[in-house]
N, C-alpha and C. Protein backbone atom coordinates (compact mmCIF):
# COMPACT_ATOMS: atom_id res chain seq x y z
N MET A 1 -6.63 -15.46 -3.15
CA MET A 1 -5.49 -15.81 -2.34
C MET A 1 -5.54 -15.01 -1.04
N ASP A 2 -5.17 -15.62 0.07
CA ASP A 2 -5.25 -14.92 1.35
C ASP A 2 -4.05 -13.99 1.54
N GLU A 3 -4.20 -13.06 2.46
CA GLU A 3 -3.18 -12.04 2.68
C GLU A 3 -1.87 -12.61 3.19
N VAL A 4 -1.94 -13.62 4.03
CA VAL A 4 -0.72 -14.23 4.57
C VAL A 4 0.13 -14.77 3.43
N SER A 5 -0.50 -15.46 2.50
CA SER A 5 0.23 -16.00 1.35
C SER A 5 0.82 -14.88 0.50
N LEU A 6 0.06 -13.82 0.32
CA LEU A 6 0.57 -12.69 -0.47
C LEU A 6 1.76 -12.03 0.21
N VAL A 7 1.70 -11.87 1.51
CA VAL A 7 2.82 -11.27 2.24
C VAL A 7 4.06 -12.16 2.14
N LYS A 8 3.88 -13.45 2.28
CA LYS A 8 5.02 -14.37 2.15
C LYS A 8 5.63 -14.29 0.77
N ARG A 9 4.78 -14.20 -0.25
CA ARG A 9 5.28 -14.06 -1.62
C ARG A 9 6.04 -12.74 -1.78
N CYS A 10 5.55 -11.68 -1.16
CA CYS A 10 6.24 -10.38 -1.21
C CYS A 10 7.62 -10.49 -0.58
N GLN A 11 7.69 -11.18 0.53
CA GLN A 11 8.96 -11.34 1.22
C GLN A 11 9.98 -12.10 0.37
N GLN A 12 9.47 -12.86 -0.58
CA GLN A 12 10.35 -13.60 -1.49
C GLN A 12 10.62 -12.81 -2.77
N GLY A 13 10.13 -11.55 -2.82
CA GLY A 13 10.42 -10.68 -3.95
C GLY A 13 9.38 -10.70 -5.06
N ASP A 14 8.20 -11.21 -4.82
CA ASP A 14 7.15 -11.30 -5.84
C ASP A 14 6.43 -9.96 -5.98
N LEU A 15 6.75 -9.21 -7.03
CA LEU A 15 6.13 -7.91 -7.26
C LEU A 15 4.64 -8.00 -7.57
N ASP A 16 4.21 -9.08 -8.21
CA ASP A 16 2.79 -9.24 -8.51
C ASP A 16 1.97 -9.36 -7.22
N ALA A 17 2.48 -10.08 -6.27
CA ALA A 17 1.79 -10.23 -4.98
C ALA A 17 1.72 -8.88 -4.27
N PHE A 18 2.80 -8.12 -4.33
CA PHE A 18 2.79 -6.80 -3.72
C PHE A 18 1.77 -5.90 -4.40
N GLY A 19 1.69 -5.97 -5.71
CA GLY A 19 0.70 -5.19 -6.46
C GLY A 19 -0.72 -5.50 -6.04
N ILE A 20 -1.00 -6.76 -5.80
CA ILE A 20 -2.33 -7.17 -5.35
C ILE A 20 -2.64 -6.55 -3.99
N LEU A 21 -1.67 -6.60 -3.09
CA LEU A 21 -1.88 -6.01 -1.76
C LEU A 21 -2.05 -4.50 -1.85
N VAL A 22 -1.26 -3.85 -2.69
CA VAL A 22 -1.38 -2.40 -2.85
C VAL A 22 -2.78 -2.04 -3.36
N GLU A 23 -3.25 -2.72 -4.37
CA GLU A 23 -4.59 -2.43 -4.90
C GLU A 23 -5.67 -2.68 -3.85
N HIS A 24 -5.47 -3.68 -3.02
CA HIS A 24 -6.45 -3.99 -1.99
C HIS A 24 -6.52 -2.88 -0.92
N TYR A 25 -5.37 -2.32 -0.57
CA TYR A 25 -5.31 -1.35 0.53
C TYR A 25 -5.15 0.10 0.09
N ARG A 26 -5.02 0.35 -1.20
CA ARG A 26 -4.74 1.70 -1.70
C ARG A 26 -5.79 2.72 -1.25
N VAL A 27 -7.06 2.41 -1.43
CA VAL A 27 -8.12 3.35 -1.08
C VAL A 27 -8.10 3.66 0.41
N LYS A 28 -7.95 2.64 1.24
CA LYS A 28 -7.91 2.86 2.69
C LYS A 28 -6.71 3.69 3.09
N ALA A 29 -5.58 3.45 2.45
CA ALA A 29 -4.36 4.20 2.77
C ALA A 29 -4.52 5.67 2.40
N VAL A 30 -5.05 5.93 1.22
CA VAL A 30 -5.24 7.32 0.79
C VAL A 30 -6.27 8.00 1.69
N ARG A 31 -7.35 7.31 2.00
CA ARG A 31 -8.38 7.88 2.87
C ARG A 31 -7.81 8.24 4.24
N THR A 32 -7.02 7.36 4.81
CA THR A 32 -6.42 7.63 6.11
C THR A 32 -5.47 8.82 6.04
N ALA A 33 -4.65 8.84 5.00
CA ALA A 33 -3.72 9.96 4.84
C ALA A 33 -4.47 11.27 4.61
N TYR A 34 -5.59 11.22 3.91
CA TYR A 34 -6.40 12.42 3.68
C TYR A 34 -6.96 12.94 5.00
N LEU A 35 -7.42 12.03 5.86
CA LEU A 35 -7.95 12.44 7.15
C LEU A 35 -6.88 13.13 8.00
N LEU A 36 -5.64 12.72 7.82
CA LEU A 36 -4.53 13.31 8.58
C LEU A 36 -4.04 14.62 7.97
N THR A 37 -4.07 14.73 6.64
CA THR A 37 -3.48 15.90 5.98
C THR A 37 -4.51 16.92 5.52
N GLY A 38 -5.70 16.46 5.18
CA GLY A 38 -6.73 17.36 4.67
C GLY A 38 -6.54 17.77 3.22
N ARG A 39 -5.58 17.18 2.55
CA ARG A 39 -5.33 17.49 1.13
C ARG A 39 -5.14 16.20 0.35
N MET A 40 -5.91 16.06 -0.72
CA MET A 40 -5.86 14.83 -1.50
C MET A 40 -4.51 14.63 -2.17
N ASP A 41 -3.92 15.70 -2.71
CA ASP A 41 -2.63 15.54 -3.39
C ASP A 41 -1.55 15.04 -2.43
N ILE A 42 -1.53 15.58 -1.25
CA ILE A 42 -0.56 15.14 -0.25
C ILE A 42 -0.89 13.73 0.22
N ALA A 43 -2.17 13.44 0.40
CA ALA A 43 -2.58 12.11 0.85
C ALA A 43 -2.13 11.03 -0.13
N GLU A 44 -2.26 11.29 -1.41
CA GLU A 44 -1.82 10.31 -2.42
C GLU A 44 -0.31 10.11 -2.35
N ASP A 45 0.44 11.19 -2.16
CA ASP A 45 1.89 11.08 -2.03
C ASP A 45 2.28 10.30 -0.78
N VAL A 46 1.61 10.58 0.32
CA VAL A 46 1.90 9.90 1.58
C VAL A 46 1.62 8.40 1.45
N ALA A 47 0.48 8.06 0.86
CA ALA A 47 0.13 6.64 0.70
C ALA A 47 1.16 5.95 -0.21
N HIS A 48 1.53 6.61 -1.28
CA HIS A 48 2.52 6.03 -2.20
C HIS A 48 3.83 5.77 -1.46
N GLU A 49 4.29 6.76 -0.72
CA GLU A 49 5.55 6.60 0.02
C GLU A 49 5.45 5.50 1.07
N ALA A 50 4.29 5.36 1.69
CA ALA A 50 4.10 4.31 2.68
C ALA A 50 4.24 2.94 2.03
N PHE A 51 3.66 2.77 0.84
CA PHE A 51 3.77 1.50 0.15
C PHE A 51 5.22 1.22 -0.28
N VAL A 52 5.92 2.25 -0.69
CA VAL A 52 7.34 2.08 -1.06
C VAL A 52 8.12 1.61 0.17
N GLN A 53 7.89 2.24 1.31
CA GLN A 53 8.58 1.86 2.53
C GLN A 53 8.22 0.43 2.95
N CYS A 54 6.98 0.07 2.78
CA CYS A 54 6.56 -1.30 3.11
C CYS A 54 7.30 -2.32 2.26
N TYR A 55 7.45 -2.03 1.00
CA TYR A 55 8.12 -2.97 0.11
C TYR A 55 9.59 -3.13 0.48
N ARG A 56 10.22 -2.02 0.84
CA ARG A 56 11.64 -2.08 1.21
C ARG A 56 11.81 -2.92 2.45
């Protein structure tokens, strides 16, 4: 399924679609946060919070 369709499903409250997007981008998000923070534990927390904010 393409990303546009997944985003539209998320906007309609589909948690499964959001989960697919999170799994697709999780590694990139953590890697980016790690480059900014220099600590893996903080990077994982930052990425998690970013996904929570995106869902809201």
